[in-house]
Each structure stands twice: as C-alpha cells, then as structure tokens.
Amino acid sequence: MSAMVISSLDRFISMARKLEAYGVTNIHLCYAKSTDDLDISVIALVPFVDYVILGQDAHYLPYLNQIVKEAQLRHIPVLPEERIVAVKN
C-alpha cells in the first residue's frame, strides 16, 4: 500500500511510523508550507497512492484543495491525521 502525507516534517515522521506498522510501505511527504508555487508533481502523484493523509497542519499548503479534489475524483480515501488507525482494514 502507499500513502501521500501532507504535513510538516515532524508530524510526517510520527505518522510514517504508524503507517508502516499497518503495512503502508510506500509513503510520500508533501511538505505543507505556505508557498505560491504550484507543485504539479505532487498533484500528478495522487493517482498512484492508495491514501491521502492530511496532517493537522496541511491547511498551510495553498493548493491543498486541488490535491483533495484529484483524490476524490479517483475515489482515493482522504483521511485526517487523527484517523490513521482506520487505514488498516
């Protein structure tokens, strides 16, 4: 399984450990920072992950809505950080 985690680096590290424990072996960090530059590669990666995890600080990413819309169009679950436990079926 794979996941894209949108968060700060500190939050990513703690979430990555939890996800690895559930068998998510391919984990991508989308660093949530305030920037005007749109990173197309992040949006292009969405179709290739099984989950999109939103860290508590994901709202700092100005193009977060575009990532979430792409995930919803492709029926990829978008989970808040608090629901990581729900990732494992």
N, C-alpha and C. Protein backbone atom coordinates (compact mmCIF):
# COMPACT_ATOMS: atom_id res chain seq x y z
N MET A 1 0.84 -1.18 0.00
CA MET A 1 0.00 0.00 0.00
C MET A 1 0.88 1.24 0.00
N SER A 2 0.30 2.34 -0.42
CA SER A 2 1.04 3.59 -0.47
C SER A 2 0.16 4.73 0.04
N ALA A 3 0.83 5.78 0.49
CA ALA A 3 0.11 6.94 1.01
C ALA A 3 0.90 8.21 0.72
N MET A 4 0.16 9.29 0.57
CA MET A 4 0.74 10.62 0.50
C MET A 4 0.35 11.32 1.79
N VAL A 5 1.34 11.81 2.51
CA VAL A 5 1.09 12.51 3.77
C VAL A 5 1.38 13.99 3.55
N ILE A 6 0.40 14.82 3.81
CA ILE A 6 0.56 16.27 3.66
C ILE A 6 0.68 16.84 5.06
N SER A 7 1.88 17.26 5.41
CA SER A 7 2.12 17.75 6.77
C SER A 7 3.50 18.37 6.87
N SER A 8 3.82 18.80 8.08
CA SER A 8 5.18 19.24 8.37
C SER A 8 6.06 18.01 8.55
N LEU A 9 7.35 18.20 8.56
CA LEU A 9 8.28 17.08 8.67
C LEU A 9 8.13 16.34 10.00
N ASP A 10 7.99 17.08 11.10
CA ASP A 10 7.85 16.44 12.41
C ASP A 10 6.61 15.56 12.48
N ARG A 11 5.50 16.05 11.99
CA ARG A 11 4.25 15.27 12.02
C ARG A 11 4.36 14.07 11.08
N PHE A 12 5.04 14.27 9.95
CA PHE A 12 5.23 13.18 8.98
C PHE A 12 5.97 12.01 9.61
N ILE A 13 7.02 12.30 10.35
CA ILE A 13 7.82 11.23 10.95
C ILE A 13 6.98 10.37 11.88
N SER A 14 6.17 10.99 12.71
CA SER A 14 5.34 10.19 13.62
C SER A 14 4.26 9.42 12.87
N MET A 15 3.68 10.03 11.84
CA MET A 15 2.64 9.33 11.06
C MET A 15 3.24 8.20 10.24
N ALA A 16 4.44 8.40 9.69
CA ALA A 16 5.06 7.37 8.87
C ALA A 16 5.30 6.10 9.67
N ARG A 17 5.70 6.25 10.90
CA ARG A 17 5.91 5.07 11.75
C ARG A 17 4.61 4.30 11.96
N LYS A 18 3.53 5.01 12.20
CA LYS A 18 2.23 4.36 12.40
C LYS A 18 1.78 3.67 11.11
N LEU A 19 1.95 4.34 9.98
CA LEU A 19 1.53 3.76 8.71
C LEU A 19 2.35 2.51 8.37
N GLU A 20 3.65 2.56 8.62
CA GLU A 20 4.50 1.39 8.37
C GLU A 20 4.05 0.20 9.20
N ALA A 21 3.61 0.45 10.41
CA ALA A 21 3.13 -0.63 11.28
C ALA A 21 1.88 -1.29 10.69
N TYR A 22 1.13 -0.56 9.88
CA TYR A 22 -0.07 -1.10 9.24
C TYR A 22 0.20 -1.65 7.85
N GLY A 23 1.45 -1.66 7.41
CA GLY A 23 1.78 -2.24 6.12
C GLY A 23 1.85 -1.27 4.97
N VAL A 24 1.78 0.02 5.23
CA VAL A 24 1.94 1.02 4.18
C VAL A 24 3.45 1.20 3.99
N THR A 25 3.96 0.71 2.88
CA THR A 25 5.41 0.68 2.68
C THR A 25 5.94 1.80 1.79
N ASN A 26 5.07 2.44 1.04
CA ASN A 26 5.49 3.50 0.13
C ASN A 26 4.81 4.79 0.61
N ILE A 27 5.56 5.63 1.32
CA ILE A 27 4.98 6.82 1.95
C ILE A 27 5.67 8.06 1.38
N HIS A 28 4.88 8.97 0.84
CA HIS A 28 5.40 10.19 0.22
C HIS A 28 5.03 11.39 1.08
N LEU A 29 5.98 12.28 1.30
CA LEU A 29 5.73 13.51 2.04
C LEU A 29 5.46 14.65 1.08
N CYS A 30 4.37 15.32 1.30
CA CYS A 30 4.11 16.59 0.63
C CYS A 30 4.24 17.63 1.75
N TYR A 31 5.33 18.35 1.74
CA TYR A 31 5.64 19.28 2.83
C TYR A 31 4.66 20.45 2.81
N ALA A 32 3.89 20.57 3.88
CA ALA A 32 2.88 21.62 3.98
C ALA A 32 3.55 22.93 4.38
N LYS A 33 3.75 23.77 3.41
CA LYS A 33 4.33 25.08 3.69
C LYS A 33 3.62 26.11 2.82
N SER A 34 3.62 27.30 3.29
CA SER A 34 2.96 28.37 2.56
C SER A 34 3.88 28.84 1.44
N THR A 35 3.46 28.58 0.22
CA THR A 35 4.23 29.00 -0.95
C THR A 35 3.26 29.28 -2.09
N ASP A 36 3.63 30.17 -2.96
CA ASP A 36 2.77 30.50 -4.10
C ASP A 36 3.02 29.58 -5.28
N ASP A 37 4.10 28.81 -5.23
CA ASP A 37 4.46 27.93 -6.34
C ASP A 37 3.64 26.65 -6.31
N LEU A 38 2.94 26.37 -7.39
CA LEU A 38 2.17 25.14 -7.52
C LEU A 38 3.11 24.02 -7.92
N ASP A 39 3.13 22.96 -7.15
CA ASP A 39 3.99 21.81 -7.44
C ASP A 39 3.14 20.77 -8.17
N ILE A 40 3.19 20.79 -9.49
CA ILE A 40 2.39 19.89 -10.32
C ILE A 40 2.73 18.43 -10.03
N SER A 41 3.98 18.15 -9.70
CA SER A 41 4.38 16.76 -9.47
C SER A 41 3.62 16.14 -8.29
N VAL A 42 3.29 16.94 -7.30
CA VAL A 42 2.53 16.43 -6.15
C VAL A 42 1.13 16.03 -6.59
N ILE A 43 0.48 16.86 -7.37
CA ILE A 43 -0.86 16.55 -7.85
C ILE A 43 -0.82 15.35 -8.79
N ALA A 44 0.23 15.25 -9.60
CA ALA A 44 0.37 14.12 -10.53
C ALA A 44 0.60 12.80 -9.80
N LEU A 45 1.10 12.84 -8.58
CA LEU A 45 1.36 11.63 -7.81
C LEU A 45 0.09 11.04 -7.20
N VAL A 46 -0.92 11.85 -7.01
CA VAL A 46 -2.15 11.42 -6.32
C VAL A 46 -2.75 10.14 -6.91
N PRO A 47 -2.87 9.99 -8.22
CA PRO A 47 -3.49 8.76 -8.75
C PRO A 47 -2.74 7.48 -8.42
N PHE A 48 -1.51 7.59 -7.97
CA PHE A 48 -0.68 6.42 -7.73
C PHE A 48 -0.57 6.03 -6.26
N VAL A 49 -1.33 6.67 -5.40
CA VAL A 49 -1.31 6.31 -3.98
C VAL A 49 -2.66 5.72 -3.58
N ASP A 50 -2.64 4.94 -2.50
CA ASP A 50 -3.87 4.33 -2.00
C ASP A 50 -4.61 5.23 -1.03
N TYR A 51 -3.89 6.11 -0.35
CA TYR A 51 -4.48 7.00 0.64
C TYR A 51 -3.81 8.37 0.58
N VAL A 52 -4.58 9.40 0.90
CA VAL A 52 -4.04 10.74 1.13
C VAL A 52 -4.34 11.07 2.58
N ILE A 53 -3.28 11.35 3.35
CA ILE A 53 -3.42 11.64 4.77
C ILE A 53 -3.16 13.13 4.98
N LEU A 54 -4.11 13.81 5.60
CA LEU A 54 -3.97 15.24 5.86
C LEU A 54 -3.52 15.46 7.30
N GLY A 55 -2.32 15.97 7.46
CA GLY A 55 -1.83 16.32 8.79
C GLY A 55 -2.59 17.52 9.33
N GLN A 56 -2.48 17.74 10.62
CA GLN A 56 -3.18 18.86 11.24
C GLN A 56 -2.73 20.20 10.68
N ASP A 57 -1.54 20.24 10.12
CA ASP A 57 -1.03 21.49 9.56
C ASP A 57 -1.09 21.53 8.03
N ALA A 58 -1.86 20.65 7.43
CA ALA A 58 -1.96 20.58 5.96
C ALA A 58 -2.57 21.85 5.37
N HIS A 59 -3.34 22.57 6.15
CA HIS A 59 -4.01 23.77 5.63
C HIS A 59 -3.02 24.86 5.20
N TYR A 60 -1.75 24.73 5.55
CA TYR A 60 -0.75 25.71 5.11
C TYR A 60 -0.43 25.59 3.62
N LEU A 61 -0.77 24.47 3.02
CA LEU A 61 -0.48 24.24 1.61
C LEU A 61 -1.55 24.93 0.76
N PRO A 62 -1.18 25.94 -0.05
CA PRO A 62 -2.20 26.70 -0.77
C PRO A 62 -2.96 25.90 -1.83
N TYR A 63 -2.38 24.84 -2.35
CA TYR A 63 -3.07 24.05 -3.37
C TYR A 63 -3.61 22.74 -2.81
N LEU A 64 -3.88 22.72 -1.52
CA LEU A 64 -4.43 21.54 -0.86
C LEU A 64 -5.76 21.12 -1.49
N ASN A 65 -6.61 22.09 -1.80
CA ASN A 65 -7.91 21.76 -2.39
C ASN A 65 -7.76 21.01 -3.71
N GLN A 66 -6.77 21.36 -4.50
CA GLN A 66 -6.55 20.66 -5.77
C GLN A 66 -6.15 19.21 -5.55
N ILE A 67 -5.34 18.96 -4.54
CA ILE A 67 -4.93 17.59 -4.21
C ILE A 67 -6.14 16.78 -3.75
N VAL A 68 -6.94 17.38 -2.88
CA VAL A 68 -8.12 16.68 -2.35
C VAL A 68 -9.12 16.40 -3.47
N LYS A 69 -9.34 17.36 -4.36
CA LYS A 69 -10.27 17.15 -5.48
C LYS A 69 -9.79 16.02 -6.39
N GLU A 70 -8.49 15.99 -6.66
CA GLU A 70 -7.93 14.92 -7.50
C GLU A 70 -8.14 13.56 -6.84
N ALA A 71 -7.93 13.49 -5.55
CA ALA A 71 -8.14 12.23 -4.83
C ALA A 71 -9.61 11.82 -4.86
N GLN A 72 -10.50 12.76 -4.66
CA GLN A 72 -11.93 12.46 -4.68
C GLN A 72 -12.39 11.99 -6.05
N LEU A 73 -11.89 12.61 -7.10
CA LEU A 73 -12.24 12.20 -8.47
C LEU A 73 -11.83 10.76 -8.75
N ARG A 74 -10.76 10.33 -8.13
CA ARG A 74 -10.23 8.98 -8.36
C ARG A 74 -10.62 8.00 -7.25
N HIS A 75 -11.52 8.45 -6.38
CA HIS A 75 -12.04 7.61 -5.28
C HIS A 75 -10.93 7.11 -4.37
N ILE A 76 -9.97 7.97 -4.10
CA ILE A 76 -8.88 7.67 -3.17
C ILE A 76 -9.26 8.25 -1.82
N PRO A 77 -9.26 7.43 -0.77
CA PRO A 77 -9.64 7.94 0.55
C PRO A 77 -8.72 9.07 1.02
N VAL A 78 -9.34 10.12 1.53
CA VAL A 78 -8.62 11.25 2.13
C VAL A 78 -8.94 11.22 3.61
N LEU A 79 -7.92 10.99 4.42
CA LEU A 79 -8.12 10.81 5.86
C LEU A 79 -7.38 11.88 6.65
N PRO A 80 -8.01 12.39 7.71
CA PRO A 80 -7.28 13.30 8.59
C PRO A 80 -6.27 12.52 9.42
N GLU A 81 -5.29 13.20 9.91
CA GLU A 81 -4.24 12.59 10.72
C GLU A 81 -4.81 11.75 11.86
N GLU A 82 -5.88 12.21 12.46
CA GLU A 82 -6.48 11.52 13.60
C GLU A 82 -7.04 10.15 13.25
N ARG A 83 -7.27 9.90 11.98
CA ARG A 83 -7.91 8.65 11.56
C ARG A 83 -6.93 7.63 11.00
N ILE A 84 -5.64 7.81 11.22
CA ILE A 84 -4.66 6.87 10.69
C ILE A 84 -4.97 5.45 11.12
N VAL A 85 -5.51 5.30 12.30
CA VAL A 85 -5.85 3.97 12.80
C VAL A 85 -6.84 3.28 11.85
N ALA A 86 -7.67 4.06 11.17
CA ALA A 86 -8.68 3.50 10.27
C ALA A 86 -8.11 3.04 8.93
N VAL A 87 -6.83 3.31 8.66
CA VAL A 87 -6.24 2.94 7.37
C VAL A 87 -6.24 1.44 7.17
N LYS A 88 -5.98 0.68 8.22
CA LYS A 88 -5.93 -0.78 8.07
C LYS A 88 -7.34 -1.34 8.08
N ASN A 89 -7.61 -2.18 7.09
CA ASN A 89 -8.94 -2.79 7.01
C ASN A 89 -9.09 -3.91 8.00
